[in-house]
C-alpha atoms as a PDB file:
ATOM      1  CA  MET A   1       6.713 -39.147 -11.212  1.00  0.00           C
ATOM      2  CA  ILE A   2       5.074 -38.654 -14.475  1.00  0.00           C
ATOM      3  CA  PRO A   3       7.604 -35.999 -16.287  1.00  0.00           C
ATOM      4  CA  ALA A   4       5.013 -33.271 -18.672  1.00  0.00           C
ATOM      5  CA  PRO A   5       5.079 -34.748 -22.054  1.00  0.00           C
ATOM      6  CA  LEU A   6       4.994 -31.291 -25.081  1.00  0.00           C
ATOM      7  CA  GLY A   7       1.553 -29.725 -24.177  1.00  0.00           C
ATOM      8  CA  VAL A   8       0.322 -32.149 -21.524  1.00  0.00           C
ATOM      9  CA  TRP A   9       1.196 -31.368 -17.949  1.00  0.00           C
ATOM     10  CA  ILE A  10      -0.256 -33.956 -15.502  1.00  0.00           C
ATOM     11  CA  ARG A  11       0.212 -32.935 -11.605  1.00  0.00           C
ATOM     12  CA  PRO A  12       2.066 -35.828 -10.642  1.00  0.00           C
ATOM     13  CA  LEU A  13       0.750 -35.587  -6.600  1.00  0.00           C
ATOM     14  CA  GLY A  14      -2.257 -33.509  -7.118  1.00  0.00           C
ATOM     15  CA  LEU A  15      -4.118 -36.534  -9.247  1.00  0.00           C
ATOM     16  CA  ARG A  16      -7.759 -37.616  -7.541  1.00  0.00           C
ATOM     17  CA  GLY A  17      -9.026 -40.258  -9.270  1.00  0.00           C
ATOM     18  CA  CYS A  18     -11.439 -39.871 -12.374  1.00  0.00           C
ATOM     19  CA  ARG A  19     -12.449 -35.934 -11.550  1.00  0.00           C
ATOM     20  CA  ALA A  20      -8.900 -35.466 -13.286  1.00  0.00           C
ATOM     21  CA  LEU A  21     -10.425 -35.916 -16.925  1.00  0.00           C
ATOM     22  CA  PRO A  22     -11.509 -32.892 -17.602  1.00  0.00           C
ATOM     23  CA  THR A  23      -7.994 -31.485 -16.774  1.00  0.00           C
ATOM     24  CA  LEU A  24      -6.423 -33.980 -18.739  1.00  0.00           C
ATOM     25  CA  VAL A  25      -8.494 -33.705 -21.959  1.00  0.00           C
ATOM     26  CA  LEU A  26      -8.666 -29.984 -21.767  1.00  0.00           C
ATOM     27  CA  SER A  27      -4.405 -29.764 -21.184  1.00  0.00           C
ATOM     28  CA  PHE A  28      -4.076 -30.380 -24.717  1.00  0.00           C
ATOM     29  CA  VAL A  29      -1.922 -27.509 -26.825  1.00  0.00           C
ATOM     30  CA  PRO A  30      -3.198 -27.455 -30.788  1.00  0.00           C
ATOM     31  CA  SER A  31      -1.026 -28.922 -32.972  1.00  0.00           C
ATOM     32  CA  ARG A  32       1.851 -26.468 -34.844  1.00  0.00           C
ATOM     33  CA  LYS A  33       2.390 -28.323 -38.478  1.00  0.00           C
ATOM     34  CA  ASN A  34       4.553 -25.571 -39.143  1.00  0.00           C
ATOM     35  CA  GLY A  35       7.148 -23.320 -36.878  1.00  0.00           C
ATOM     36  CA  PRO A  36       9.253 -23.639 -33.900  1.00  0.00           C
ATOM     37  CA  ARG A  37       7.750 -25.396 -31.304  1.00  0.00           C
ATOM     38  CA  PRO A  38       6.936 -22.900 -28.026  1.00  0.00           C
ATOM     39  CA  PRO A  39       9.443 -23.369 -25.032  1.00  0.00           C
ATOM     40  CA  THR A  40       8.488 -25.762 -22.154  1.00  0.00           C
ATOM     41  CA  ARG A  41       7.588 -23.643 -19.145  1.00  0.00           C
ATOM     42  CA  PRO A  42       6.768 -25.579 -15.575  1.00  0.00           C
ATOM     43  CA  HIS A  43       3.023 -25.248 -15.198  1.00  0.00           C
ATOM     44  CA  PRO A  44       1.623 -22.936 -12.187  1.00  0.00           C
ATOM     45  CA  SER A  45       0.280 -26.218 -10.278  1.00  0.00           C
ATOM     46  CA  SER A  46       3.705 -27.563  -9.918  1.00  0.00           C
ATOM     47  CA  PRO A  47       5.612 -28.074  -6.624  1.00  0.00           C
ATOM     48  CA  ILE A  48       8.259 -24.994  -7.472  1.00  0.00           C
ATOM     49  CA  SER A  49       7.654 -23.252 -10.190  1.00  0.00           C
ATOM     50  CA  SER A  50       9.897 -20.782 -11.879  1.00  0.00           C
ATOM     51  CA  VAL A  51      12.581 -21.765  -9.243  1.00  0.00           C
ATOM     52  CA  ARG A  52      16.241 -21.680 -10.806  1.00  0.00           C
ATOM     53  CA  ARG A  53      19.620 -23.568 -10.238  1.00  0.00           C
ATOM     54  CA  SER A  54      22.741 -21.814  -9.456  1.00  0.00           C
ATOM     55  CA  ASN A  55      24.674 -20.691 -12.485  1.00  0.00           C
ATOM     56  CA  SER A  56      22.056 -22.050 -14.741  1.00  0.00           C
ATOM     57  CA  PRO A  57      19.031 -21.347 -16.873  1.00  0.00           C
ATOM     58  CA  PRO A  58      15.957 -20.853 -15.145  1.00  0.00           C
ATOM     59  CA  PHE A  59      14.892 -23.879 -13.557  1.00  0.00           C
ATOM     60  CA  ARG A  60      12.247 -26.254 -15.261  1.00  0.00           C
ATOM     61  CA  SER A  61      10.190 -29.261 -13.756  1.00  0.00           C
ATOM     62  CA  PRO A  62      11.563 -32.441 -14.894  1.00  0.00           C
ATOM     63  CA  THR A  63      10.079 -32.846 -18.693  1.00  0.00           C
ATOM     64  CA  LEU A  64      11.015 -35.131 -21.693  1.00  0.00           C
ATOM     65  CA  PRO A  65      14.407 -35.125 -22.721  1.00  0.00           C
ATOM     66  CA  ASP A  66      14.839 -32.540 -25.354  1.00  0.00           C
ATOM     67  CA  VAL A  67      16.341 -35.127 -27.823  1.00  0.00           C
ATOM     68  CA  ALA A  68      13.226 -36.741 -27.797  1.00  0.00           C
ATOM     69  CA  VAL A  69      11.177 -33.910 -28.361  1.00  0.00           C
ATOM     70  CA  GLN A  70      13.067 -32.832 -31.180  1.00  0.00           C
ATOM     71  CA  ARG A  71      13.273 -36.603 -32.592  1.00  0.00           C
ATOM     72  CA  ALA A  72       9.285 -36.389 -33.049  1.00  0.00           C
ATOM     73  CA  GLY A  73       8.526 -33.079 -33.708  1.00  0.00           C
ATOM     74  CA  HIS A  74       7.932 -33.542 -37.162  1.00  0.00           C
ATOM     75  CA  HIS A  75       5.333 -36.379 -36.215  1.00  0.00           C
ATOM     76  CA  THR A  76       3.151 -34.344 -34.944  1.00  0.00           C
ATOM     77  CA  GLY A  77      -0.110 -36.832 -35.484  1.00  0.00           C
ATOM     78  CA  VAL A  78       1.591 -39.474 -34.274  1.00  0.00           C
ATOM     79  CA  VAL A  79       3.077 -37.855 -30.610  1.00  0.00           C
ATOM     80  CA  ARG A  80      -0.819 -36.524 -29.962  1.00  0.00           C
ATOM     81  CA  ARG A  81      -1.965 -39.839 -30.319  1.00  0.00           C
ATOM     82  CA  LEU A  82       0.869 -41.260 -28.192  1.00  0.00           C
ATOM     83  CA  LEU A  83       0.102 -38.815 -25.376  1.00  0.00           C
ATOM     84  CA  ALA A  84      -3.800 -39.284 -26.030  1.00  0.00           C
ATOM     85  CA  VAL A  85      -2.897 -42.928 -24.917  1.00  0.00           C
ATOM     86  CA  ALA A  86      -0.199 -41.786 -22.277  1.00  0.00           C
ATOM     87  CA  ALA A  87      -3.235 -39.530 -20.355  1.00  0.00           C
ATOM     88  CA  LEU A  88      -5.720 -42.026 -20.394  1.00  0.00           C
ATOM     89  CA  SER A  89      -3.647 -44.330 -19.256  1.00  0.00           C
ATOM     90  CA  LEU A  90      -2.400 -42.370 -16.255  1.00  0.00           C
ATOM     91  CA  LEU A  91      -6.083 -41.763 -15.283  1.00  0.00           C
ATOM     92  CA  ALA A  92      -6.765 -45.503 -15.410  1.00  0.00           C
ATOM     93  CA  THR A  93      -4.308 -46.390 -13.088  1.00  0.00           C
ATOM     94  CA  ALA A  94      -4.989 -42.797 -11.232  1.00  0.00           C
ATOM     95  CA  CYS A  95      -8.602 -44.206 -10.697  1.00  0.00           C
ATOM     96  CA  SER A  96      -7.681 -47.627  -9.693  1.00  0.00           C
ATOM     97  CA  ALA A  97      -5.584 -46.171  -7.101  1.00  0.00           C
ATOM     98  CA  ASP A  98      -7.996 -43.787  -6.085  1.00  0.00           C
ATOM     99  CA  THR A  99     -10.670 -46.769  -5.451  1.00  0.00           C
ATOM    100  CA  ALA A 100      -8.011 -48.822  -3.916  1.00  0.00           C
ATOM    101  CA  GLY A 101      -7.481 -46.172  -1.549  1.00  0.00           C
ATOM    102  CA  SER A 102     -11.044 -45.640  -0.296  1.00  0.00           C
ATOM    103  CA  ALA A 103     -10.830 -49.430  -0.054  1.00  0.00           C
ATOM    104  CA  SER A 104      -8.303 -49.763   2.637  1.00  0.00           C
ATOM    105  CA  GLY A 105      -9.289 -46.527   4.289  1.00  0.00           C
ATOM    106  CA  ALA A 106      -5.994 -45.087   3.657  1.00  0.00           C
ATOM    107  CA  ALA A 107      -5.329 -41.481   4.484  1.00  0.00           C
ATOM    108  CA  THR A 108      -4.440 -38.796   2.466  1.00  0.00           C
ATOM    109  CA  THR A 109      -3.235 -35.112   3.239  1.00  0.00           C
ATOM    110  CA  ASP A 110      -4.755 -32.039   2.326  1.00  0.00           C
ATOM    111  CA  HIS A 111      -1.296 -29.868   2.184  1.00  0.00           C
ATOM    112  CA  GLU A 112       0.520 -31.720  -1.330  1.00  0.00           C
ATOM    113  CA  HIS A 113       2.683 -28.915  -2.324  1.00  0.00           C
ATOM    114  CA  GLU A 114       1.467 -26.186  -0.445  1.00  0.00           C
ATOM    115  CA  GLU A 115       3.415 -23.333   0.072  1.00  0.00           C
ATOM    116  CA  THR A 116       4.289 -21.213   2.820  1.00  0.00           C
ATOM    117  CA  ASN A 117       6.140 -18.168   3.540  1.00  0.00           C
ATOM    118  CA  ALA A 118       8.792 -17.797   6.147  1.00  0.00           C
ATOM    119  CA  ILE A 119      11.390 -16.027   7.745  1.00  0.00           C
ATOM    120  CA  VAL A 120      14.860 -17.849   8.379  1.00  0.00           C
ATOM    121  CA  GLU A 121      16.231 -17.401  12.417  1.00  0.00           C
ATOM    122  CA  ARG A 122      18.861 -19.558  11.973  1.00  0.00           C
ATOM    123  CA  VAL A 123      21.213 -22.735   9.914  1.00  0.00           C
ATOM    124  CA  VAL A 124      21.123 -25.369  12.709  1.00  0.00           C
ATOM    125  CA  ASP A 125      23.189 -27.714  10.081  1.00  0.00           C
ATOM    126  CA  GLY A 126      23.657 -28.486   6.647  1.00  0.00           C
ATOM    127  CA  ASP A 127      19.728 -29.524   5.846  1.00  0.00           C
ATOM    128  CA  THR A 128      18.391 -27.944   8.373  1.00  0.00           C
ATOM    129  CA  ILE A 129      16.954 -24.903   9.344  1.00  0.00           C
ATOM    130  CA  VAL A 130      14.930 -22.650  12.030  1.00  0.00           C
ATOM    131  CA  VAL A 131      11.950 -20.346  10.902  1.00  0.00           C
ATOM    132  CA  ALA A 132       9.467 -18.132  11.840  1.00  0.00           C
ATOM    133  CA  ILE A 133       6.135 -18.662  10.063  1.00  0.00           C
ATOM    134  CA  VAL A 134       3.555 -15.647  11.485  1.00  0.00           C
ATOM    135  CA  GLY A 135       5.719 -15.639  14.584  1.00  0.00           C
ATOM    136  CA  ASN A 136       5.377 -19.190  15.173  1.00  0.00           C
ATOM    137  CA  ARG A 137       8.813 -21.078  15.358  1.00  0.00           C
ATOM    138  CA  GLU A 138       9.479 -23.996  12.912  1.00  0.00           C
ATOM    139  CA  ARG A 139      12.585 -26.511  12.353  1.00  0.00           C
ATOM    140  CA  VAL A 140      12.410 -27.458   8.897  1.00  0.00           C
ATOM    141  CA  ARG A 141      14.092 -30.682   7.666  1.00  0.00           C
ATOM    142  CA  LEU A 142      15.206 -30.100   3.984  1.00  0.00           C
ATOM    143  CA  LEU A 143      13.613 -32.918   1.707  1.00  0.00           C
ATOM    144  CA  GLY A 144      15.556 -35.395  -0.335  1.00  0.00           C
ATOM    145  CA  ILE A 145      18.929 -34.697   0.518  1.00  0.00           C
ATOM    146  CA  ASP A 146      21.416 -35.591   3.400  1.00  0.00           C
ATOM    147  CA  THR A 147      24.113 -33.428   4.599  1.00  0.00           C
ATOM    148  CA  PRO A 148      27.090 -34.353   6.869  1.00  0.00           C
ATOM    149  CA  GLU A 149      26.432 -34.329  10.311  1.00  0.00           C
ATOM    150  CA  SER A 150      28.141 -31.122  12.640  1.00  0.00           C
ATOM    151  CA  VAL A 151      26.699 -30.682  15.399  1.00  0.00           C
ATOM    152  CA  ALA A 152      24.130 -34.164  16.102  1.00  0.00           C
ATOM    153  CA  VAL A 153      24.513 -35.127  19.996  1.00  0.00           C
ATOM    154  CA  ASN A 154      24.698 -39.179  19.410  1.00  0.00           C
ATOM    155  CA  ARG A 155      26.832 -39.131  16.637  1.00  0.00           C
ATOM    156  CA  PRO A 156      30.042 -38.410  15.353  1.00  0.00           C
ATOM    157  CA  GLU A 157      30.873 -35.105  13.422  1.00  0.00           C
ATOM    158  CA  GLN A 158      31.379 -36.272   9.677  1.00  0.00           C
ATOM    159  CA  CYS A 159      33.991 -34.898   7.269  1.00  0.00           C
ATOM    160  CA  TYR A 160      32.298 -31.945   5.483  1.00  0.00           C
ATOM    161  CA  GLY A 161      29.856 -31.643   8.038  1.00  0.00           C
ATOM    162  CA  LYS A 162      30.934 -27.898   8.821  1.00  0.00           C
ATOM    163  CA  GLU A 163      31.285 -27.058   5.476  1.00  0.00           C
ATOM    164  CA  SER A 164      28.175 -28.012   4.409  1.00  0.00           C
ATOM    165  CA  ALA A 165      26.549 -26.267   7.285  1.00  0.00           C
ATOM    166  CA  ALA A 166      28.500 -22.693   6.696  1.00  0.00           C
ATOM    167  CA  TYR A 167      27.951 -22.559   3.184  1.00  0.00           C
ATOM    168  CA  LEU A 168      23.723 -23.403   4.093  1.00  0.00           C
ATOM    169  CA  THR A 169      24.467 -20.211   6.200  1.00  0.00           C
ATOM    170  CA  SER A 170      25.360 -17.871   3.584  1.00  0.00           C
ATOM    171  CA  LEU A 171      22.941 -19.111   1.268  1.00  0.00           C
ATOM    172  CA  LEU A 172      20.338 -18.019   4.143  1.00  0.00           C
ATOM    173  CA  PRO A 173      21.396 -15.745   6.693  1.00  0.00           C
ATOM    174  CA  GLU A 174      19.090 -14.480   9.658  1.00  0.00           C
ATOM    175  CA  GLY A 175      16.403 -12.586   8.148  1.00  0.00           C
ATOM    176  CA  THR A 176      16.155 -14.340   4.673  1.00  0.00           C
ATOM    177  CA  GLU A 177      12.912 -14.562   3.615  1.00  0.00           C
ATOM    178  CA  VAL A 178      11.929 -18.257   1.687  1.00  0.00           C
ATOM    179  CA  THR A 179       9.185 -20.173   0.721  1.00  0.00           C
ATOM    180  CA  LEU A 180       8.590 -23.499   1.775  1.00  0.00           C
ATOM    181  CA  VAL A 181       6.932 -26.344  -0.459  1.00  0.00           C
ATOM    182  CA  ARG A 182       5.412 -29.617   0.887  1.00  0.00           C
ATOM    183  CA  ASP A 183       5.174 -32.663  -0.564  1.00  0.00           C
ATOM    184  CA  ILE A 184       2.802 -35.714   0.599  1.00  0.00           C
ATOM    185  CA  GLU A 185       4.174 -35.623   4.366  1.00  0.00           C
ATOM    186  CA  SER A 186       4.433 -32.638   5.967  1.00  0.00           C
ATOM    187  CA  ARG A 187       6.425 -33.965   9.202  1.00  0.00           C
ATOM    188  CA  ASP A 188       8.980 -36.461  10.208  1.00  0.00           C
ATOM    189  CA  GLN A 189       9.163 -38.406  13.664  1.00  0.00           C
ATOM    190  CA  TYR A 190      10.818 -35.445  15.260  1.00  0.00           C
ATOM    191  CA  ASP A 191       7.769 -33.077  14.453  1.00  0.00           C
ATOM    192  CA  ARG A 192       9.879 -31.218  12.060  1.00  0.00           C
ATOM    193  CA  LEU A 193       8.551 -29.529   8.966  1.00  0.00           C
ATOM    194  CA  LEU A 194       9.629 -31.471   6.046  1.00  0.00           C
ATOM    195  CA  ALA A 195      10.016 -28.861   2.939  1.00  0.00           C
ATOM    196  CA  TYR A 196      11.866 -27.528  -0.657  1.00  0.00           C
ATOM    197  CA  VAL A 197      13.117 -24.240   0.719  1.00  0.00           C
ATOM    198  CA  VAL A 198      13.360 -21.460  -2.385  1.00  0.00           C
ATOM    199  CA  ARG A 199      15.003 -18.509  -1.957  1.00  0.00           C
ATOM    200  CA  SER A 200      12.571 -15.869  -2.137  1.00  0.00           C
ATOM    201  CA  SER A 201      15.013 -12.697  -3.808  1.00  0.00           C
ATOM    202  CA  ASP A 202      15.930 -14.600  -6.432  1.00  0.00           C
ATOM    203  CA  GLN A 203      14.113 -18.381  -6.209  1.00  0.00           C
ATOM    204  CA  LEU A 204      16.896 -20.438  -5.897  1.00  0.00           C
ATOM    205  CA  PHE A 205      16.305 -23.842  -4.937  1.00  0.00           C
ATOM    206  CA  ILE A 206      18.251 -24.345  -2.085  1.00  0.00           C
ATOM    207  CA  ASN A 207      17.801 -28.213  -1.787  1.00  0.00           C
ATOM    208  CA  LEU A 208      19.253 -28.782  -5.299  1.00  0.00           C
ATOM    209  CA  ASP A 209      21.467 -26.225  -5.311  1.00  0.00           C
ATOM    210  CA  LEU A 210      22.945 -27.910  -1.647  1.00  0.00           C
ATOM    211  CA  LEU A 211      23.411 -30.893  -4.389  1.00  0.00           C
ATOM    212  CA  GLU A 212      24.972 -29.538  -7.268  1.00  0.00           C
ATOM    213  CA  ARG A 213      27.756 -27.816  -5.119  1.00  0.00           C
ATOM    214  CA  GLY A 214      28.542 -31.368  -3.633  1.00  0.00           C
ATOM    215  CA  TYR A 215      27.559 -30.188   0.024  1.00  0.00           C
ATOM    216  CA  ALA A 216      24.872 -32.852   0.163  1.00  0.00           C
ATOM    217  CA  GLY A 217      23.615 -36.115  -0.856  1.00  0.00           C
ATOM    218  CA  VAL A 218      20.029 -37.758  -1.791  1.00  0.00           C
ATOM    219  CA  MET A 219      18.093 -39.064   0.410  1.00  0.00           C
ATOM    220  CA  ILE A 220      14.545 -39.878   0.030  1.00  0.00           C
ATOM    221  CA  TYR A 221      12.002 -41.329   2.326  1.00  0.00           C
ATOM    222  CA  GLU A 222       8.857 -42.079   0.420  1.00  0.00           C
ATOM    223  CA  PRO A 223       6.080 -40.961  -0.619  1.00  0.00           C
ATOM    224  CA  ASN A 224       8.032 -37.365  -0.653  1.00  0.00           C
ATOM    225  CA  SER A 225       9.982 -38.432  -3.523  1.00  0.00           C
ATOM    226  CA  PHE A 226       8.640 -35.189  -6.218  1.00  0.00           C
ATOM    227  CA  TYR A 227      12.068 -34.420  -7.074  1.00  0.00           C
ATOM    228  CA  ARG A 228      13.787 -37.831  -6.929  1.00  0.00           C
ATOM    229  CA  GLU A 229      15.087 -37.539 -10.645  1.00  0.00           C
ATOM    230  CA  LEU A 230      16.175 -34.239 -10.553  1.00  0.00           C
ATOM    231  CA  PHE A 231      17.920 -34.860  -7.414  1.00  0.00           C
ATOM    232  CA  GLU A 232      19.776 -37.820  -8.103  1.00  0.00           C
ATOM    233  CA  ASN A 233      20.943 -35.882 -11.433  1.00  0.00           C
ATOM    234  CA  ALA A 234      22.292 -33.150  -9.980  1.00  0.00           C
ATOM    235  CA  GLU A 235      24.022 -35.992  -7.073  1.00  0.00           C
ATOM    236  CA  ASN A 236      25.652 -37.475  -9.918  1.00  0.00           C
ATOM    237  CA  ASP A 237      27.277 -34.680 -12.090  1.00  0.00           C
ATOM    238  CA  ALA A 238      28.671 -33.540  -8.846  1.00  0.00           C
ATOM    239  CA  PHE A 239      30.287 -37.046  -7.929  1.00  0.00           C
ATOM    240  CA  ARG A 240      31.777 -37.284 -11.355  1.00  0.00           C
ATOM    241  CA  ALA A 241      33.209 -33.839 -11.343  1.00  0.00           C
ATOM    242  CA  GLY A 242      34.594 -34.489  -7.845  1.00  0.00           C
ATOM    243  CA  ILE A 243      32.444 -31.246  -6.183  1.00  0.00           C
ATOM    244  CA  GLY A 244      32.667 -30.789  -2.416  1.00  0.00           C
ATOM    245  CA  LEU A 245      32.146 -33.803  -0.098  1.00  0.00           C
ATOM    246  CA  TRP A 246      32.744 -36.417  -3.018  1.00  0.00           C
ATOM    247  CA  GLY A 247      36.091 -35.180  -3.772  1.00  0.00           C
ATOM    248  CA  VAL A 248      37.353 -34.188   0.109  1.00  0.00           C
ATOM    249  CA  CYS A 249      35.792 -37.266   1.728  1.00  0.00           C
ATOM    250  CA  GLY A 250      35.304 -39.515  -1.064  1.00  0.00           C
ATOM    251  CA  GLY A 251      31.655 -39.214   0.019  1.00  0.00           C
ATOM    252  CA  PRO A 252      28.815 -38.740   2.282  1.00  0.00           C
ATOM    253  CA  ASP A 253      28.744 -40.251   6.029  1.00  0.00           C
ATOM    254  CA  VAL A 254      32.755 -40.250   5.989  1.00  0.00           C
ATOM    255  CA  PRO A 255      33.953 -39.495   9.986  1.00  0.00           C
ATOM    256  CA  LEU A 256      36.029 -36.922  10.437  1.00  0.00           C
ATOM    257  CA  GLY A 257      39.720 -37.648  10.766  1.00  0.00           C
END
C-alpha cells in the first residue's frame, strides 16, 4: 500500500498500468510558499472516505506521518521533486505489474472498493453478520479482523467470544443501515461476502472500532490488505493498553476456561 504524500493521491488498489499517468500528473497540488498547509482529507476514490474512528477525530485514510510533513514543509521545491520521482516510480512499477499480469493470464476483479448499501438482519458472532441487500440475504465476514469463537460448531468457544459478539450486536442491531466496502477478493471459500463495514448513521468504521476496543485481533488474508497498517496500529495500541481480550485473556484464540 502506498500512502498519499502531501497533495498527491494515488489510489493503491485501483491503479491500472500506464493509463494512470494523467491522474498522477494532474493530482499535484500547486505549492504554497507562504501560509499554512491545507488539511489532508481522504480522496473520494479511497475505499472508505470520511468514516470515523470511535471517540477520535474524523478518520483519514493513511498518509505520511504529520511530523514528516512538518519537517519537509519549508523545503517545497525539494518535496515536489521527491513527489514527482515517487509518482513516476509507482507508475513504472504499475506498468510492469500490469504487463506481467497480462502475460501470465492472471484474472483481475471488477469490484475493487465497490460499495453496497445493506440492512443488518442479525449478528452471527464477533466478525460475521447477516444482511439484506436489495431483498437478497448475504452472510458477511468483516475484513482484516478476527474475533474469538463463540458459536463455531467444530471449534470450542474461546475467551471473550461472547463479549465480542455482544458488542458487535450493540453496534449493529437488527435494521441498522450499513455500507459494505469490498477490497480485492469479494468472497471467501465459504462464499461469504468479504467487506469493510461502515455504519451509515454516523460513519463508524466497525472493523477498526472492534480492534481499538480490544474485541478483535488483526487477521489479513492477501490480497485483501488495504488497511493492514491502520489495523495493526490499532491492535498494537489495544495490546499496550491491555484493553478487552488483551487484558482479560492475554490475547486472541485462548480457549474458554
